[in-house]
């Protein structure tokens, strides 16, 4: 698949072109960013703790200064996954390596309007923003790929068990997140994106109950939607979420969204010059998740 973008920076295609580092190389968004940048003819280095099966993949231990220094050598731009535990080490290594731009994959939970300065993504943003390189923060909300986790339960029990099924979300396609990241990197440092925080959503607010209905409609797989009580949610979700405080924040957020349509952010359309992909589009792209 080819990716087309409406502008390119003279910085990228000038004589000083260096490598772009994409971290989180085993993730769907990182892979899509790698595909788009390489399709544009750029030199891309992909890093993760266990290198992915992609051209230019390298091992990276973000807790090891020597590993960071080696991977960042001759790198001018970075697409970075948020990790508060290693953000300070990364920022120091990026400064030493002469990195010019960092595009951080953060979260809508860290957005200033949410007033949640204790969010770990907000903490990472503050740490990364302290560097002298240009920074841009991508803040997507709910991912459409969350439905992949639902598929495990569907195949095992025929159910999707969640609290607050009528909470409104505006889930975003992972390719839309990648396309925005690619555009920011193509425009390069010194452009309109420097210092910007970009909240990101999909094009439509919907309940998770409706998402489940769409899965059945488009895949033909019958699914029983189980609306968990608060006590059931704490018990069932507590085993997979290590931080009880984060779980409580999540449950409180979902409760606040019941009966309240989610605001739609225009970032995808503004930066890529096309509408964001819909949830039915995501399902068509991932039909095998539920039908295999």
Protein backbone atom coordinates (compact mmCIF):
# COMPACT_ATOMS: atom_id res chain seq x y z
CA UNK A 1 0.00 0.00 0.00
CA UNK A 2 1.27 3.48 -0.87
CA UNK A 3 0.80 6.53 1.33
CA UNK A 4 0.51 10.06 -0.07
CA UNK A 5 0.90 13.27 1.93
CA UNK A 6 0.13 16.85 0.98
CA UNK A 7 3.45 18.47 1.87
CA UNK A 8 7.10 17.59 2.33
CA UNK A 9 9.78 19.55 4.12
CA UNK A 10 12.94 20.84 2.48
CA UNK A 11 14.68 19.72 5.71
CA UNK A 12 14.04 16.04 4.98
CA UNK A 13 15.15 16.10 1.38
CA UNK A 14 18.09 18.46 1.77
CA UNK A 15 21.74 17.51 1.76
CA UNK A 16 21.75 17.00 5.54
CA UNK A 17 19.35 14.06 5.46
CA UNK A 18 19.95 11.59 8.29
CA UNK A 19 18.05 8.63 9.68
CA UNK A 20 14.63 8.69 11.30
CA UNK A 21 14.26 6.43 14.33
CA UNK A 22 10.91 4.71 14.95
CA UNK A 23 10.61 3.13 18.39
CA UNK A 24 8.11 0.45 19.46
CA UNK A 25 8.94 -1.41 16.29
CA UNK A 26 6.70 -4.40 17.01
CA UNK A 27 3.56 -2.26 17.33
CA UNK A 28 0.98 -1.64 14.60
CA UNK A 29 1.43 2.13 14.63
CA UNK A 30 5.22 1.95 14.46
CA UNK A 31 5.02 -0.51 11.56
CA UNK A 32 2.65 1.79 9.68
CA UNK A 33 4.94 4.79 10.32
CA UNK A 34 7.89 2.75 9.02
CA UNK A 35 5.94 1.79 5.88
CA UNK A 36 4.92 5.37 5.13
CA UNK A 37 8.38 6.86 5.66
CA UNK A 38 10.18 4.22 3.62
CA UNK A 39 7.60 4.66 0.83
CA UNK A 40 8.62 8.34 0.82
CA UNK A 41 12.21 7.25 0.20
CA UNK A 42 13.58 8.04 3.67
CA UNK A 43 16.18 6.16 5.69
CA UNK A 44 14.32 4.64 8.63
CA UNK A 45 15.74 2.82 11.65
CA UNK A 46 13.21 0.74 13.62
CA UNK A 47 13.96 -0.10 17.25
CA UNK A 48 12.45 -2.27 19.96
CA UNK A 49 13.68 -4.42 22.82
CA UNK A 50 13.22 -7.43 20.55
CA UNK A 51 13.86 -6.23 16.99
CA UNK A 52 10.93 -6.55 14.62
CA UNK A 53 11.13 -8.36 11.29
CA UNK A 54 11.44 -5.09 9.36
CA UNK A 55 14.31 -3.65 7.29
CA UNK A 56 16.58 -1.53 9.44
CA UNK A 57 15.39 -3.08 12.71
CA UNK A 58 17.75 -2.75 15.68
CA UNK A 59 17.63 -3.76 19.35
CA UNK A 60 17.05 -0.98 21.87
CA UNK A 61 17.08 -1.09 25.66
CA UNK A 62 15.64 2.28 26.70
CA UNK A 63 16.95 1.81 30.24
CA UNK A 64 20.56 1.53 29.02
CA UNK A 65 22.33 4.82 28.12
CA UNK A 66 24.86 2.97 25.95
CA UNK A 67 22.08 1.28 23.95
CA UNK A 68 20.30 4.60 23.49
CA UNK A 69 23.51 6.32 22.36
CA UNK A 70 24.24 3.60 19.81
CA UNK A 71 20.73 3.60 18.31
CA UNK A 72 20.48 7.41 18.19
CA UNK A 73 23.81 7.86 16.38
CA UNK A 74 23.22 9.79 13.12
CA UNK A 75 19.48 10.10 13.87
CA UNK A 76 17.84 13.47 13.19
CA UNK A 77 14.20 12.67 14.01
CA UNK A 78 12.43 10.22 16.31
CA UNK A 79 8.93 8.76 16.51
CA UNK A 80 8.79 7.83 20.19
CA UNK A 81 6.40 5.64 22.16
CA UNK A 82 5.56 7.13 25.56
CA UNK A 83 7.32 5.55 28.55
CA UNK A 84 7.67 7.65 31.71
CA UNK A 85 10.19 5.23 33.21
CA UNK A 86 12.76 5.88 30.46
CA UNK A 87 11.79 9.35 29.20
CA UNK A 88 14.53 11.20 31.10
CA UNK A 89 17.25 8.86 29.81
CA UNK A 90 15.93 9.20 26.27
CA UNK A 91 15.83 13.01 26.47
CA UNK A 92 19.43 13.12 27.68
CA UNK A 93 20.60 10.73 24.96
CA UNK A 94 18.68 12.61 22.25
CA UNK A 95 20.32 15.88 23.31
CA UNK A 96 23.77 14.29 23.21
CA UNK A 97 23.10 12.76 19.78
CA UNK A 98 21.94 16.06 18.27
CA UNK A 99 18.39 14.90 17.51
CA UNK A 100 16.39 17.73 15.88
CA UNK A 101 12.79 16.54 16.29
CA UNK A 102 10.84 14.17 18.54
CA UNK A 103 7.25 13.15 17.75
CA UNK A 104 5.83 11.52 20.89
CA UNK A 105 2.91 9.08 20.79
CA UNK A 106 1.10 10.20 23.93
CA UNK A 107 -2.57 9.93 24.94
CA UNK A 108 -5.73 12.01 25.03
CA UNK A 109 -5.70 11.36 28.78
CA UNK A 110 -2.81 13.81 29.04
CA UNK A 111 -4.60 16.59 27.15
CA UNK A 112 -4.63 19.87 29.05
CA UNK A 113 -8.42 20.10 28.95
CA UNK A 114 -8.62 16.92 31.01
CA UNK A 115 -6.74 18.51 33.91
CA UNK A 116 -5.00 15.21 34.68
CA UNK A 117 -1.40 16.29 35.30
CA UNK A 118 -0.74 13.02 37.18
CA UNK A 119 -1.33 10.93 34.06
CA UNK A 120 1.88 9.03 33.13
CA UNK A 121 1.62 10.26 29.54
CA UNK A 122 1.48 13.85 30.79
CA UNK A 123 4.60 13.14 32.85
CA UNK A 124 6.38 11.83 29.76
CA UNK A 125 5.32 14.88 27.75
CA UNK A 126 6.81 17.22 30.34
CA UNK A 127 10.10 15.31 30.36
CA UNK A 128 10.43 15.15 26.58
CA UNK A 129 9.39 18.81 26.17
CA UNK A 130 12.38 19.93 28.26
CA UNK A 131 14.82 19.13 25.43
CA UNK A 132 16.19 21.65 22.92
CA UNK A 133 14.93 19.59 19.95
CA UNK A 134 11.54 20.37 18.39
CA UNK A 135 8.66 18.40 19.94
CA UNK A 136 5.19 17.41 18.78
CA UNK A 137 2.79 15.41 20.94
CA UNK A 138 0.17 13.13 19.35
CA UNK A 139 -2.68 12.51 21.80
CA UNK A 140 -5.04 9.83 20.46
CA UNK A 141 -8.00 8.65 22.51
CA UNK A 142 -9.49 5.15 22.36
CA UNK A 143 -7.92 2.90 19.73
CA UNK A 144 -10.10 0.86 17.38
CA UNK A 145 -7.53 -1.89 17.90
CA UNK A 146 -8.99 -2.43 21.39
CA UNK A 147 -11.48 -4.66 19.58
CA UNK A 148 -8.63 -7.13 19.00
CA UNK A 149 -8.55 -7.77 22.76
CA UNK A 150 -12.32 -8.23 22.73
CA UNK A 151 -11.90 -10.95 20.09
CA UNK A 152 -10.05 -13.20 22.56
CA UNK A 153 -13.11 -13.25 24.82
CA UNK A 154 -15.45 -13.73 21.86
CA UNK A 155 -13.57 -16.82 20.69
CA UNK A 156 -13.37 -18.24 24.22
CA UNK A 157 -16.86 -17.47 25.53
CA UNK A 158 -18.94 -15.80 22.82
CA UNK A 159 -19.10 -12.72 25.09
CA UNK A 160 -17.62 -9.26 25.44
CA UNK A 161 -17.65 -8.28 29.11
CA UNK A 162 -17.21 -4.57 29.84
CA UNK A 163 -18.54 -1.98 32.27
CA UNK A 164 -20.44 1.06 31.01
CA UNK A 165 -21.31 -0.34 27.59
CA UNK A 166 -23.27 2.85 26.87
CA UNK A 167 -20.28 5.14 27.46
CA UNK A 168 -19.54 7.20 24.34
CA UNK A 169 -16.13 6.94 22.65
CA UNK A 170 -14.70 8.20 19.37
CA UNK A 171 -12.23 5.40 18.55
CA UNK A 172 -9.42 6.08 16.08
CA UNK A 173 -7.90 3.82 13.41
CA UNK A 174 -4.20 3.08 13.99
CA UNK A 175 -3.40 4.04 10.39
CA UNK A 176 -4.78 7.53 10.99
CA UNK A 177 -2.43 7.97 13.95
CA UNK A 178 0.46 6.76 11.80
CA UNK A 179 -0.49 9.05 8.90
CA UNK A 180 -0.44 12.10 11.18
CA UNK A 181 2.94 11.06 12.60
CA UNK A 182 4.33 10.59 9.08
CA UNK A 183 3.12 14.03 8.01
CA UNK A 184 4.72 15.72 11.02
CA UNK A 185 8.01 13.92 10.35
CA UNK A 186 7.91 14.77 6.64
CA UNK A 187 7.33 18.44 7.47
CA UNK A 188 10.27 18.24 9.87
CA UNK A 189 11.47 20.54 12.65
CA UNK A 190 11.04 24.28 12.28
CA UNK A 191 7.57 23.78 10.80
CA UNK A 192 4.03 24.45 12.06
CA UNK A 193 4.11 21.42 14.37
CA UNK A 194 6.85 22.55 16.76
CA UNK A 195 5.58 22.56 20.33
CA UNK A 196 2.09 21.45 19.30
CA UNK A 197 -0.16 19.07 21.21
CA UNK A 198 -2.54 17.29 18.81
CA UNK A 199 -5.61 15.65 20.41
CA UNK A 200 -6.87 12.91 18.10
CA UNK A 201 -10.12 10.97 17.75
CA UNK A 202 -11.92 9.00 15.12
CA UNK A 203 -14.69 10.65 13.04
CA UNK A 204 -17.68 9.35 15.03
CA UNK A 205 -18.83 9.10 18.64
CA UNK A 206 -20.39 5.73 19.47
CA UNK A 207 -21.08 3.47 22.42
CA UNK A 208 -19.20 0.25 22.85
CA UNK A 209 -22.56 -1.49 22.71
CA UNK A 210 -22.94 -0.12 19.17
CA UNK A 211 -19.39 -1.16 18.28
CA UNK A 212 -20.24 -4.72 19.32
CA UNK A 213 -23.42 -4.61 17.22
CA UNK A 214 -21.35 -3.51 14.22
CA UNK A 215 -18.91 -6.38 14.75
CA UNK A 216 -21.76 -8.90 14.60
CA UNK A 217 -23.36 -7.13 11.63
CA UNK A 218 -20.18 -7.05 9.54
CA UNK A 219 -18.62 -10.38 10.55
CA UNK A 220 -21.70 -12.52 11.21
CA UNK A 221 -20.17 -13.63 14.53
CA UNK A 222 -22.84 -13.69 17.28
CA UNK A 223 -21.68 -11.88 20.41
CA UNK A 224 -23.34 -11.44 23.79
CA UNK A 225 -22.54 -8.01 25.27
CA UNK A 226 -22.32 -8.24 29.07
CA UNK A 227 -22.56 -4.94 30.94
CA UNK A 228 -20.45 -5.50 34.06
CA UNK A 229 -21.29 -3.92 37.39
CA UNK A 230 -18.65 -1.71 38.97
CA UNK A 231 -17.71 -4.49 41.40
CA UNK A 232 -17.45 -7.07 38.61
CA UNK A 233 -15.30 -4.69 36.55
CA UNK A 234 -12.88 -4.11 39.42
CA UNK A 235 -12.52 -7.85 39.93
CA UNK A 236 -12.20 -8.86 36.26
CA UNK A 237 -10.09 -5.93 35.05
CA UNK A 238 -7.97 -5.63 38.18
CA UNK A 239 -6.05 -8.77 37.28
CA UNK A 240 -4.79 -7.23 34.01
CA UNK A 241 -4.27 -3.63 35.16
CA UNK A 242 -1.36 -3.38 37.58
CA UNK A 243 -2.16 0.11 38.82
CA UNK A 244 -5.42 0.24 40.86
CA UNK A 245 -5.45 4.05 40.73
CA UNK A 246 -5.34 3.97 36.92
CA UNK A 247 -8.21 1.49 36.87
CA UNK A 248 -10.31 3.75 39.07
CA UNK A 249 -9.56 6.73 36.83
CA UNK A 250 -10.58 4.70 33.79
CA UNK A 251 -13.83 3.53 35.39
CA UNK A 252 -14.64 7.07 36.49
CA UNK A 253 -13.97 8.37 32.99
CA UNK A 254 -16.24 5.75 31.39
CA UNK A 255 -18.99 6.58 33.88
CA UNK A 256 -18.75 10.27 32.91
CA UNK A 257 -19.19 9.42 29.22
CA UNK A 258 -22.52 7.55 29.55
CA UNK A 259 -25.10 9.53 27.59
CA UNK A 260 -22.51 12.13 26.60
CA UNK A 261 -21.32 12.10 22.95
CA UNK A 262 -17.55 12.27 22.68
CA UNK A 263 -16.11 15.47 21.16
CA UNK A 264 -14.63 14.89 17.71
CA UNK A 265 -11.15 16.30 17.14
CA UNK A 266 -10.31 17.47 13.58
CA UNK A 267 -6.58 16.68 13.72
CA UNK A 268 -6.58 13.79 11.23
CA UNK A 269 -8.44 15.75 8.57
CA UNK A 270 -6.46 18.95 9.15
CA UNK A 271 -3.06 17.27 8.88
CA UNK A 272 -3.75 14.65 6.21
CA UNK A 273 -6.38 16.48 4.12
CA UNK A 274 -8.83 13.57 4.31
CA UNK A 275 -11.45 12.33 6.79
CA UNK A 276 -10.52 9.83 9.49
CA UNK A 277 -11.31 6.18 8.90
CA UNK A 278 -14.54 4.81 10.41
CA UNK A 279 -14.99 1.82 12.70
CA UNK A 280 -16.65 -0.23 9.92
CA UNK A 281 -13.55 0.52 7.81
CA UNK A 282 -11.36 -0.81 10.62
CA UNK A 283 -13.49 -3.97 10.82
CA UNK A 284 -13.14 -4.56 7.07
CA UNK A 285 -9.38 -4.14 7.48
CA UNK A 286 -9.32 -6.71 10.32
CA UNK A 287 -12.12 -9.16 9.57
CA UNK A 288 -9.87 -12.14 10.31
CA UNK A 289 -9.60 -11.02 13.96
CA UNK A 290 -13.13 -12.30 14.58
CA UNK A 291 -13.63 -14.85 11.78
CA UNK A 292 -10.42 -16.90 11.83
